Structure formats: structure tokens, C-alpha cells
Amino acid sequence: MSLITVNNIETVYDKYALAVKGVSMEVEDGTIVGIVGPNGAGKSTTLKSISGMIKIERGEVRRGTIEYMGKRIENEDPEKLSRMGIVHVLEGRKVFAELTVRENLMTGLHLRGKLVPSQEDFEIVFQYFPRLKDLMNVRAGYISGGEQQMVVIARALLMRPKVLLLDEPSLGLAPKVVTTIFRTVEELRENEKITIVVADQNVKSVMSLADYVYVLENGRVAMSGTPEELAKKEEMKEFYLGTSSSGERSFRVIRHWKIRRRWV
């Protein structure tokens, strides 16, 4: 069953700057969907279009539709969408640096309309992020990047999402930390039945995690398929996975492929 349907959307900033150019995708209930591609491909804009955060950045979905549980939601208020179950973890580990880890987590509860945390609320955090138990009274600005990423995902978890949108969760983190974060994401899907959409430049990590993957280039979907299907595509192996068996390709061939993709 499709939980989110993105149908041929065009998203612009400041009325004229076109960032997403006819993207379509399906997010099935209970799955992990990956969005990969180079910097500037439209990954973040696609997530913001779904969560409504695009409105905060003077953007809008100008054409196309986005449906959540059968209801049109494009250009809807982001706070309303979060209360409907779509929770967006933004790129860049947006913690409140001067607040403690506990206070950062409390903001997630406040957005859910809950002013006093229960023991159960923090227990679910410590179940997936045990490291945070020792950091509850530490200012979030003083903890590591990996710990900050744990805080923002845990804060989103306290909002009890139906859909969790993760934007570049591996950005700037050590490989070992990335492995831990992605393993936790998979556990959240399995144990909490959360549908997850993760956008990241770390293609190999996303493909090891996702049930279905969309490759974005220049604001468009260039390829899509299961990780197994994409791993067999020569273009995917050549430009994203570094596993091509065709040997070295000339600069002329690579340049032609990039120019062709630019105008597809």
C-alpha cells in the first residue's frame, strides 16, 4: 500500500528558481526508501516538499501533487504535517546548542503537545540511543557530531512519527558512526513500524539499507529500482558505486554521459 505518492512535482524557490523538475516516487507503508545523487540534485528539496518545510524557505510545489494516506498535502503547513505523522530530520544536525540534551529531547515532546515526559518516553530513546543516557545534562553544543545526530533522530522519535524523513544523516560522520546510525534506522523500521525516507550522498550505505532507491540528478529521477536492480546497471556502477567491470572509460565517454543526463 502506498503511504506517500509524489506525482510529477515541480518545486521552486522565490517563485522562479526551479529546483525539482518533475519528480515522481512512491513510498510504500513500512518500507525504507532511499534518495541518492550528487550535491544539488534535489534530494533535500524533495524531502522538504513532502514535509512542508519548503514553505519556510520561500519555496512552493508549483506543479504536481503529493498525497499522504490518500490526502493531498502539497504546500501544507509543516507543523500540521508533523502532527499528521510526517517528521523531518533536517540536514546539518539542527540541535539547540545552548540547551542540554534533555531539553532538546523535550522540544520533540512539546511539538507532540506533551509538556511532562514519562519514563516510557525516555526509555524508548535509551533503547535505541543508549549513549544519550549519560549525556542528558550536557549542552548539545558540546557533544560530538555523531551524538548530535543521535539527539535529532531521538527528538523526532519522541514525536511518534508515521513517516520519518532523514536528510543526509551520514554527513560529516566517521564510517563507524554512520554504520551505527543506519543500523538504528533499520531497527526503527522493524520495531516501531516507522516508514522511512532517507536522502544521502552515501550511496553504498543507502543501498545496503533501503528497499527501493531513487537516483536524482539535476532535479529529476535519473534511475530507480531495488538495490539489486540498480547494482546491475553499468551507469550506477560507473558513477556511484565504483564497481564497474568495463575497465577505464575515456573522458570523452564520461563527459557525453553527463551532458546527456543533464538534458534528459
Protein backbone atom coordinates (compact mmCIF):
# COMPACT_ATOMS: atom_id res chain seq x y z
CA MET A 1 0.00 0.00 0.00
CA SER A 2 1.35 3.41 -0.99
CA LEU A 3 1.63 5.72 2.02
CA ILE A 4 3.10 8.68 0.11
CA THR A 5 2.69 9.34 -3.60
CA VAL A 6 4.73 12.10 -5.24
CA ASN A 7 3.36 12.76 -8.71
CA ASN A 8 5.43 14.79 -11.18
CA ILE A 9 6.18 17.70 -8.84
CA GLU A 10 7.99 20.88 -9.74
CA THR A 11 9.34 22.83 -6.78
CA VAL A 12 10.63 26.40 -6.96
CA TYR A 13 12.28 28.84 -4.59
CA ASP A 14 11.37 32.54 -4.69
CA LYS A 15 8.81 31.79 -7.42
CA TYR A 16 11.40 31.31 -10.17
CA ALA A 17 14.38 29.16 -9.08
CA LEU A 18 13.41 25.66 -10.26
CA ALA A 19 14.98 23.01 -8.02
CA VAL A 20 12.90 19.88 -8.66
CA LYS A 21 11.72 19.18 -12.22
CA GLY A 22 9.01 16.57 -12.44
CA VAL A 23 9.93 14.11 -9.68
CA SER A 24 7.63 11.15 -9.09
CA MET A 25 8.01 8.45 -6.44
CA GLU A 26 6.08 6.02 -4.31
CA VAL A 27 6.71 5.30 -0.64
CA GLU A 28 5.10 2.06 0.45
CA ASP A 29 3.93 1.68 4.04
CA GLY A 30 6.55 0.03 6.25
CA THR A 31 9.45 0.40 3.80
CA ILE A 32 12.73 2.28 3.71
CA VAL A 33 13.07 4.36 0.55
CA GLY A 34 16.42 5.84 -0.41
CA ILE A 35 17.07 9.01 -2.41
CA VAL A 36 20.64 9.36 -3.65
CA GLY A 37 22.51 11.62 -6.01
CA PRO A 38 25.19 14.30 -6.09
CA ASN A 39 25.11 17.59 -4.24
CA GLY A 40 22.44 19.86 -5.72
CA ALA A 41 20.48 17.02 -7.31
CA GLY A 42 17.25 17.93 -5.50
CA LYS A 43 17.29 15.39 -2.66
CA SER A 44 16.73 17.88 0.16
CA THR A 45 14.16 19.86 -1.81
CA THR A 46 12.17 16.68 -2.46
CA LEU A 47 12.06 15.89 1.26
CA LYS A 48 11.10 19.48 2.11
CA SER A 49 8.34 19.33 -0.48
CA ILE A 50 6.91 16.29 1.30
CA SER A 51 7.24 17.67 4.84
CA GLY A 52 6.07 21.20 4.02
CA MET A 53 9.38 22.69 5.17
CA ILE A 54 9.74 24.14 1.67
CA LYS A 55 7.32 26.91 2.71
CA ILE A 56 9.70 28.12 5.42
CA GLU A 57 12.41 28.63 2.79
CA ARG A 58 10.21 30.71 0.47
CA GLY A 59 9.55 27.77 -1.79
CA GLU A 60 6.47 26.02 -3.12
CA VAL A 61 5.37 23.00 -5.09
CA ARG A 62 4.27 24.76 -8.26
CA ARG A 63 3.04 21.75 -10.20
CA GLY A 64 2.16 18.15 -9.50
CA THR A 65 0.70 16.58 -6.38
CA ILE A 66 1.81 14.92 -3.15
CA GLU A 67 -0.57 12.55 -1.39
CA TYR A 68 -0.26 11.17 2.14
CA MET A 69 -2.67 8.39 3.06
CA GLY A 70 -4.76 9.42 0.07
CA LYS A 71 -4.95 13.10 1.03
CA ARG A 72 -3.37 15.95 -0.94
CA ILE A 73 -0.70 17.67 1.18
CA GLU A 74 1.50 19.70 -1.17
CA ASN A 75 2.22 23.18 0.23
CA GLU A 76 0.54 22.25 3.52
CA ASP A 77 1.75 23.80 6.79
CA PRO A 78 4.75 21.83 8.13
CA GLU A 79 3.52 21.88 11.73
CA LYS A 80 0.20 20.39 10.64
CA LEU A 81 2.01 17.69 8.67
CA SER A 82 4.20 16.83 11.66
CA ARG A 83 1.06 16.35 13.74
CA MET A 84 -0.25 14.09 10.97
CA GLY A 85 2.84 11.91 11.38
CA ILE A 86 5.40 13.24 8.87
CA VAL A 87 8.52 14.19 10.81
CA HIS A 88 11.55 15.68 9.05
CA VAL A 89 15.10 15.48 10.42
CA LEU A 90 16.89 18.26 8.56
CA GLU A 91 20.41 18.18 7.19
CA GLY A 92 23.13 19.54 9.45
CA ARG A 93 22.17 18.17 12.88
CA LYS A 94 19.92 21.07 13.95
CA VAL A 95 20.31 20.90 17.73
CA PHE A 96 19.72 23.77 20.11
CA ALA A 97 23.36 24.19 21.09
CA GLU A 98 22.76 26.09 24.35
CA LEU A 99 20.19 23.61 25.62
CA THR A 100 21.01 20.29 27.26
CA VAL A 101 20.35 17.01 25.53
CA ARG A 102 17.33 16.51 27.81
CA GLU A 103 15.93 19.93 26.85
CA ASN A 104 16.49 19.20 23.17
CA LEU A 105 14.54 15.97 23.51
CA MET A 106 11.78 17.80 25.37
CA THR A 107 11.15 20.01 22.33
CA GLY A 108 10.06 16.89 20.47
CA LEU A 109 7.53 16.14 23.19
CA HIS A 110 6.29 19.74 23.17
CA LEU A 111 5.62 19.53 19.44
CA ARG A 112 3.52 16.48 20.23
CA GLY A 113 1.59 18.56 22.76
CA LYS A 114 3.09 16.84 25.78
CA LEU A 115 4.63 19.05 28.45
CA VAL A 116 5.72 16.46 31.00
CA PRO A 117 7.79 13.46 29.85
CA SER A 118 7.01 9.98 31.08
CA GLN A 119 9.57 7.33 31.91
CA GLU A 120 8.38 5.47 28.84
CA ASP A 121 9.30 8.42 26.61
CA PHE A 122 12.94 8.39 27.62
CA GLU A 123 13.13 4.62 27.77
CA ILE A 124 12.42 4.39 24.05
CA VAL A 125 15.22 6.89 23.43
CA PHE A 126 17.71 4.93 25.53
CA GLN A 127 16.65 1.70 23.85
CA TYR A 128 17.94 2.94 20.50
CA PHE A 129 20.50 5.50 21.66
CA PRO A 130 21.95 4.25 24.97
CA ARG A 131 24.83 6.73 24.69
CA LEU A 132 22.42 9.61 25.32
CA LYS A 133 21.64 8.37 28.83
CA ASP A 134 25.00 9.67 30.04
CA LEU A 135 24.62 12.98 28.16
CA MET A 136 21.20 14.16 29.29
CA ASN A 137 22.55 17.11 31.29
CA VAL A 138 25.27 18.09 28.81
CA ARG A 139 24.77 21.04 26.47
CA ALA A 140 24.13 19.77 22.96
CA GLY A 141 26.72 22.15 21.52
CA TYR A 142 29.48 20.32 23.39
CA ILE A 143 28.80 16.77 22.24
CA SER A 144 30.20 15.12 19.11
CA GLY A 145 28.64 15.23 15.66
CA GLY A 146 27.57 11.61 15.90
CA GLU A 147 25.95 12.23 19.29
CA GLN A 148 24.16 15.29 17.91
CA GLN A 149 22.79 13.14 15.09
CA MET A 150 21.50 10.71 17.69
CA VAL A 151 19.80 13.61 19.51
CA VAL A 152 17.94 14.91 16.45
CA ILE A 153 16.74 11.43 15.45
CA ALA A 154 15.73 10.68 19.04
CA ARG A 155 13.88 14.00 19.21
CA ALA A 156 12.00 13.05 16.05
CA LEU A 157 11.25 9.62 17.51
CA LEU A 158 9.59 11.25 20.54
CA MET A 159 7.13 12.88 18.14
CA ARG A 160 5.89 9.35 17.33
CA PRO A 161 6.20 9.64 13.55
CA LYS A 162 4.38 7.54 11.00
CA VAL A 163 6.91 8.66 8.39
CA LEU A 164 10.46 9.75 9.20
CA LEU A 165 12.33 11.82 6.62
CA LEU A 166 16.10 11.82 7.12
CA ASP A 167 18.23 14.33 5.22
CA GLU A 168 21.95 13.49 4.92
CA PRO A 169 22.21 11.61 8.24
CA SER A 170 25.76 10.47 7.42
CA LEU A 171 27.12 13.93 6.57
CA GLY A 172 30.46 14.59 8.23
CA LEU A 173 30.40 11.47 10.38
CA ALA A 174 33.03 8.76 10.76
CA PRO A 175 32.25 5.48 8.95
CA LYS A 176 31.79 3.58 12.21
CA VAL A 177 29.25 6.14 13.44
CA VAL A 178 27.43 6.04 10.08
CA THR A 179 27.11 2.27 10.39
CA THR A 180 25.62 2.67 13.87
CA ILE A 181 23.15 5.35 12.74
CA PHE A 182 21.97 3.36 9.73
CA ARG A 183 21.62 0.17 11.79
CA THR A 184 19.44 2.10 14.26
CA VAL A 185 17.31 3.43 11.39
CA GLU A 186 16.69 -0.13 10.26
CA GLU A 187 15.73 -1.14 13.81
CA LEU A 188 13.23 1.73 13.98
CA ARG A 189 11.53 0.43 10.87
CA GLU A 190 11.45 -3.13 12.16
CA ASN A 191 10.49 -2.48 15.77
CA GLU A 192 8.47 0.74 15.67
CA LYS A 193 6.89 0.17 12.22
CA ILE A 194 8.03 3.59 11.00
CA THR A 195 8.18 4.22 7.27
CA ILE A 196 11.48 5.92 6.45
CA VAL A 197 12.74 8.03 3.56
CA VAL A 198 16.47 8.70 3.70
CA ALA A 199 18.28 11.09 1.35
CA ASP A 200 22.06 10.84 1.38
CA GLN A 201 25.14 11.06 -0.83
CA ASN A 202 26.48 7.89 0.80
CA VAL A 203 25.14 5.64 -1.93
CA LYS A 204 26.54 2.35 -0.67
CA SER A 205 25.11 2.83 2.81
CA VAL A 206 21.70 3.79 1.47
CA MET A 207 21.60 0.83 -0.91
CA SER A 208 22.51 -1.54 1.93
CA LEU A 209 19.55 -0.21 3.92
CA ALA A 210 16.73 0.67 1.51
CA ASP A 211 14.04 -1.48 -0.07
CA TYR A 212 13.80 0.85 -3.06
CA VAL A 213 16.09 3.65 -4.29
CA TYR A 214 15.61 6.73 -6.46
CA VAL A 215 18.66 8.34 -8.09
CA LEU A 216 18.22 12.09 -8.59
CA GLU A 217 20.29 14.19 -10.98
CA ASN A 218 19.67 17.85 -11.79
CA GLY A 219 16.26 17.80 -10.12
CA ARG A 220 14.99 14.73 -11.98
CA VAL A 221 14.76 11.00 -11.35
CA ALA A 222 17.53 9.50 -13.48
CA MET A 223 17.13 5.90 -12.29
CA SER A 224 15.10 3.94 -9.80
CA GLY A 225 14.76 0.36 -8.64
CA THR A 226 15.59 -2.06 -5.88
CA PRO A 227 19.22 -2.01 -4.71
CA GLU A 228 19.74 -5.31 -6.50
CA GLU A 229 18.38 -3.92 -9.78
CA LEU A 230 20.41 -0.72 -9.59
CA ALA A 231 23.61 -2.59 -8.70
CA LYS A 232 23.44 -4.29 -12.09
CA LYS A 233 23.21 -1.03 -14.06
CA GLU A 234 26.51 -0.03 -15.65
CA GLU A 235 25.86 3.68 -15.15
CA MET A 236 25.21 3.10 -11.45
CA LYS A 237 28.36 1.03 -11.06
CA GLU A 238 30.43 3.54 -13.01
CA PHE A 239 29.40 6.79 -11.38
CA TYR A 240 28.10 5.89 -7.92
CA LEU A 241 29.43 2.55 -6.74
CA GLY A 242 32.89 2.44 -8.30
CA THR A 243 32.46 -1.23 -9.18
CA SER A 244 32.35 -1.10 -12.98
CA SER A 245 33.90 -4.12 -14.67
CA SER A 246 34.15 -2.42 -18.06
CA GLY A 247 37.61 -1.05 -17.39
CA GLU A 248 38.67 2.57 -17.70
CA ARG A 249 36.40 4.75 -19.81
CA SER A 250 37.64 7.76 -21.71
CA PHE A 251 36.96 11.29 -20.52
CA ARG A 252 35.03 11.85 -23.76
CA VAL A 253 32.61 9.00 -22.99
CA ILE A 254 32.08 10.14 -19.38
CA ARG A 255 31.54 13.74 -20.47
CA HIS A 256 28.99 12.64 -23.08
CA TRP A 257 27.08 10.66 -20.44
CA LYS A 258 26.99 13.64 -18.07
CA ILE A 259 25.81 16.00 -20.80
CA ARG A 260 23.11 13.52 -21.84
CA ARG A 261 21.91 13.20 -18.24
CA ARG A 262 21.80 16.95 -17.87
CA TRP A 263 19.16 17.22 -20.58
CA VAL A 264 17.16 14.02 -20.06
